[in-house]
Each structure stands twice: as structure tokens, then as C-alpha cells.
C-alpha atoms as a PDB file:
ATOM      1  CA  UNK A   1     149.790 128.965  50.823  1.00  0.00           C
ATOM      2  CA  UNK A   2     147.867 126.209  49.008  1.00  0.00           C
ATOM      3  CA  UNK A   3     148.329 123.898  51.985  1.00  0.00           C
ATOM      4  CA  UNK A   4     147.083 126.528  54.424  1.00  0.00           C
ATOM      5  CA  UNK A   5     143.972 127.267  52.367  1.00  0.00           C
ATOM      6  CA  UNK A   6     143.230 123.567  51.909  1.00  0.00           C
ATOM      7  CA  UNK A   7     143.663 122.987  55.634  1.00  0.00           C
ATOM      8  CA  UNK A   8     141.426 125.765  56.897  1.00  0.00           C
ATOM      9  CA  UNK A   9     138.701 125.313  54.262  1.00  0.00           C
ATOM     10  CA  UNK A  10     138.567 121.553  54.769  1.00  0.00           C
ATOM     11  CA  UNK A  11     138.601 122.099  58.529  1.00  0.00           C
ATOM     12  CA  UNK A  12     135.798 124.647  58.255  1.00  0.00           C
ATOM     13  CA  UNK A  13     133.663 122.203  56.248  1.00  0.00           C
ATOM     14  CA  UNK A  14     134.303 119.503  58.855  1.00  0.00           C
ATOM     15  CA  UNK A  15     133.543 121.886  61.716  1.00  0.00           C
ATOM     16  CA  UNK A  16     130.246 122.948  60.136  1.00  0.00           C
ATOM     17  CA  UNK A  17     129.286 119.310  59.661  1.00  0.00           C
ATOM     18  CA  UNK A  18     130.167 118.553  63.284  1.00  0.00           C
ATOM     19  CA  UNK A  19     128.013 121.464  64.428  1.00  0.00           C
ATOM     20  CA  UNK A  20     125.141 120.108  62.337  1.00  0.00           C
ATOM     21  CA  UNK A  21     125.555 116.679  63.917  1.00  0.00           C
ATOM     22  CA  UNK A  22     125.816 118.029  67.470  1.00  0.00           C
ATOM     23  CA  UNK A  23     123.165 120.762  67.387  1.00  0.00           C
ATOM     24  CA  UNK A  24     120.467 119.168  65.234  1.00  0.00           C
ATOM     25  CA  UNK A  25     118.789 115.787  65.110  1.00  0.00           C
ATOM     26  CA  UNK A  26     120.182 115.092  61.644  1.00  0.00           C
ATOM     27  CA  UNK A  27     121.651 111.631  61.257  1.00  0.00           C
ATOM     28  CA  UNK A  28     125.120 111.227  59.673  1.00  0.00           C
ATOM     29  CA  UNK A  29     123.705 109.740  56.484  1.00  0.00           C
ATOM     30  CA  UNK A  30     121.484 112.744  55.909  1.00  0.00           C
ATOM     31  CA  UNK A  31     124.355 115.138  56.529  1.00  0.00           C
ATOM     32  CA  UNK A  32     126.459 113.251  53.959  1.00  0.00           C
ATOM     33  CA  UNK A  33     123.628 113.479  51.424  1.00  0.00           C
ATOM     34  CA  UNK A  34     123.341 117.199  52.201  1.00  0.00           C
ATOM     35  CA  UNK A  35     127.060 117.657  51.469  1.00  0.00           C
ATOM     36  CA  UNK A  36     126.871 115.764  48.165  1.00  0.00           C
ATOM     37  CA  UNK A  37     123.802 117.731  47.083  1.00  0.00           C
ATOM     38  CA  UNK A  38     125.452 121.002  48.130  1.00  0.00           C
ATOM     39  CA  UNK A  39     128.482 120.181  45.982  1.00  0.00           C
ATOM     40  CA  UNK A  40     126.219 119.457  43.009  1.00  0.00           C
ATOM     41  CA  UNK A  41     124.252 122.684  43.506  1.00  0.00           C
ATOM     42  CA  UNK A  42     127.461 124.725  43.836  1.00  0.00           C
ATOM     43  CA  UNK A  43     128.652 123.165  40.577  1.00  0.00           C
ATOM     44  CA  UNK A  44     125.344 123.998  38.899  1.00  0.00           C
ATOM     45  CA  UNK A  45     125.609 127.622  40.047  1.00  0.00           C
ATOM     46  CA  UNK A  46     129.238 127.825  38.796  1.00  0.00           C
ATOM     47  CA  UNK A  47     130.413 128.644  42.323  1.00  0.00           C
ATOM     48  CA  UNK A  48     132.308 125.415  42.928  1.00  0.00           C
ATOM     49  CA  UNK A  49     135.073 125.942  40.351  1.00  0.00           C
ATOM     50  CA  UNK A  50     136.393 129.227  41.882  1.00  0.00           C
ATOM     51  CA  UNK A  51     136.002 127.636  45.321  1.00  0.00           C
ATOM     52  CA  UNK A  52     138.056 124.642  44.147  1.00  0.00           C
ATOM     53  CA  UNK A  53     140.765 126.871  42.647  1.00  0.00           C
ATOM     54  CA  UNK A  54     141.094 128.664  45.977  1.00  0.00           C
ATOM     55  CA  UNK A  55     140.870 125.730  48.412  1.00  0.00           C
ATOM     56  CA  UNK A  56     142.335 122.918  46.261  1.00  0.00           C
ATOM     57  CA  UNK A  57     142.142 119.636  48.237  1.00  0.00           C
ATOM     58  CA  UNK A  58     140.213 121.339  51.024  1.00  0.00           C
ATOM     59  CA  UNK A  59     137.285 121.530  48.606  1.00  0.00           C
ATOM     60  CA  UNK A  60     137.820 118.459  46.425  1.00  0.00           C
ATOM     61  CA  UNK A  61     138.344 115.795  49.068  1.00  0.00           C
ATOM     62  CA  UNK A  62     135.190 116.222  51.187  1.00  0.00           C
ATOM     63  CA  UNK A  63     131.810 115.043  49.968  1.00  0.00           C
ATOM     64  CA  UNK A  64     131.276 118.447  48.380  1.00  0.00           C
ATOM     65  CA  UNK A  65     133.797 117.388  45.744  1.00  0.00           C
ATOM     66  CA  UNK A  66     131.961 114.118  45.112  1.00  0.00           C
ATOM     67  CA  UNK A  67     128.730 116.011  44.491  1.00  0.00           C
ATOM     68  CA  UNK A  68     130.483 118.307  42.052  1.00  0.00           C
ATOM     69  CA  UNK A  69     132.007 115.326  40.212  1.00  0.00           C
ATOM     70  CA  UNK A  70     128.536 113.831  39.849  1.00  0.00           C
ATOM     71  CA  UNK A  71     127.189 117.149  38.517  1.00  0.00           C
ATOM     72  CA  UNK A  72     130.036 117.569  36.023  1.00  0.00           C
ATOM     73  CA  UNK A  73     129.552 114.006  34.768  1.00  0.00           C
ATOM     74  CA  UNK A  74     125.816 114.449  34.318  1.00  0.00           C
ATOM     75  CA  UNK A  75     126.260 117.815  32.572  1.00  0.00           C
ATOM     76  CA  UNK A  76     128.817 116.373  30.152  1.00  0.00           C
ATOM     77  CA  UNK A  77     126.754 113.253  29.435  1.00  0.00           C
ATOM     78  CA  UNK A  78     123.568 115.258  28.830  1.00  0.00           C
ATOM     79  CA  UNK A  79     125.429 117.456  26.345  1.00  0.00           C
ATOM     80  CA  UNK A  80     126.707 114.349  24.580  1.00  0.00           C
ATOM     81  CA  UNK A  81     123.813 111.850  24.871  1.00  0.00           C
ATOM     82  CA  UNK A  82     120.745 113.928  25.625  1.00  0.00           C
ATOM     83  CA  UNK A  83     118.199 112.729  28.177  1.00  0.00           C
ATOM     84  CA  UNK A  84     119.929 109.388  28.802  1.00  0.00           C
ATOM     85  CA  UNK A  85     122.975 111.294  30.027  1.00  0.00           C
ATOM     86  CA  UNK A  86     121.067 112.060  33.237  1.00  0.00           C
ATOM     87  CA  UNK A  87     121.354 108.379  34.133  1.00  0.00           C
ATOM     88  CA  UNK A  88     124.829 107.680  32.706  1.00  0.00           C
ATOM     89  CA  UNK A  89     126.935 110.704  33.574  1.00  0.00           C
ATOM     90  CA  UNK A  90     127.183 110.381  37.352  1.00  0.00           C
ATOM     91  CA  UNK A  91     128.214 106.752  37.155  1.00  0.00           C
ATOM     92  CA  UNK A  92     130.901 107.341  34.551  1.00  0.00           C
ATOM     93  CA  UNK A  93     132.359 110.364  36.327  1.00  0.00           C
ATOM     94  CA  UNK A  94     132.547 108.752  39.756  1.00  0.00           C
ATOM     95  CA  UNK A  95     133.367 105.164  38.776  1.00  0.00           C
ATOM     96  CA  UNK A  96     137.083 105.378  39.576  1.00  0.00           C
ATOM     97  CA  UNK A  97     136.564 106.824  43.061  1.00  0.00           C
ATOM     98  CA  UNK A  98     133.818 104.371  43.971  1.00  0.00           C
ATOM     99  CA  UNK A  99     135.834 101.428  42.632  1.00  0.00           C
ATOM    100  CA  UNK A 100     138.901 102.505  44.626  1.00  0.00           C
ATOM    101  CA  UNK A 101     136.813 102.773  47.803  1.00  0.00           C
ATOM    102  CA  UNK A 102     135.407  99.281  47.291  1.00  0.00           C
ATOM    103  CA  UNK A 103     138.776  97.711  46.454  1.00  0.00           C
ATOM    104  CA  UNK A 104     140.646  99.313  49.371  1.00  0.00           C
ATOM    105  CA  UNK A 105     137.819  98.448  51.767  1.00  0.00           C
ATOM    106  CA  UNK A 106     138.003  94.836  50.661  1.00  0.00           C
ATOM    107  CA  UNK A 107     141.788  94.780  51.131  1.00  0.00           C
ATOM    108  CA  UNK A 108     141.383  96.349  54.592  1.00  0.00           C
ATOM    109  CA  UNK A 109     138.927  93.594  55.521  1.00  0.00           C
ATOM    110  CA  UNK A 110     141.663  91.053  54.836  1.00  0.00           C
ATOM    111  CA  UNK A 111     144.226  92.894  56.941  1.00  0.00           C
ATOM    112  CA  UNK A 112     142.090  93.785  59.959  1.00  0.00           C
ATOM    113  CA  UNK A 113     139.873  91.511  62.007  1.00  0.00           C
ATOM    114  CA  UNK A 114     136.500  93.164  62.551  1.00  0.00           C
ATOM    115  CA  UNK A 115     134.837  92.534  65.896  1.00  0.00           C
ATOM    116  CA  UNK A 116     131.178  92.115  65.070  1.00  0.00           C
ATOM    117  CA  UNK A 117     128.596  91.911  67.845  1.00  0.00           C
ATOM    118  CA  UNK A 118     126.396  88.847  67.744  1.00  0.00           C
END
């Protein structure tokens, strides 16, 4: 049942984003920022954790999960370091994911030949 819940929740998030892109004049970058901020707000309101327990990867893989990771990192760092934690926490919590994205993107650039327009 975990796979089914992850599939339909992740699909629902993607469908809602596609509707936003098709029916509004929002650019993809703004929609991505909206998803990250929504994940952080859901984490702040303590709604994200029950949502994550229900949907598993359907909630943690999209950008909602990235926003929640940033929120959790900031919350933990503020508890530990005070005001400076606002600036440190998000970077520490998301460093592994961002590093993996950069490394795998670099490896993909070696494997594939991009066709850039000149």
C-alpha cells in the first residue's frame, strides 16, 4: 500500500503543478519556489510529518520535501546556535542532496553531448 500512496500523492502534486503551469502565467521557477516554500510552511505548521508518514516517497521526493528539509535544518540550528542558525541550518541539512545533484549533473555532462544553440 505504501507504493500506491506514494504514487497517487506524488502524481497529485505533479498534476497540481502542471495545472498551475498551464492555467496561470506563473513561470516554472516561481512554481518551484512555491513548492519549496509550501514544504517549509507545512513543516512549520507540523502538517508535513503526518503527510510524509502517509505518502512516504510521494511526499519526500518532490520539492515539498526539499522545503521541509530546509525548515527542519533551520529549526534545529536555531535551537542549537541561536540567531546564526537561521543562516547555517538550511545549508547543513540540504548539503548532501545539493552536492549529489551537482556531482551527478557533472558526470552526465561527460556522458552526453549537449547541443547548445549559438
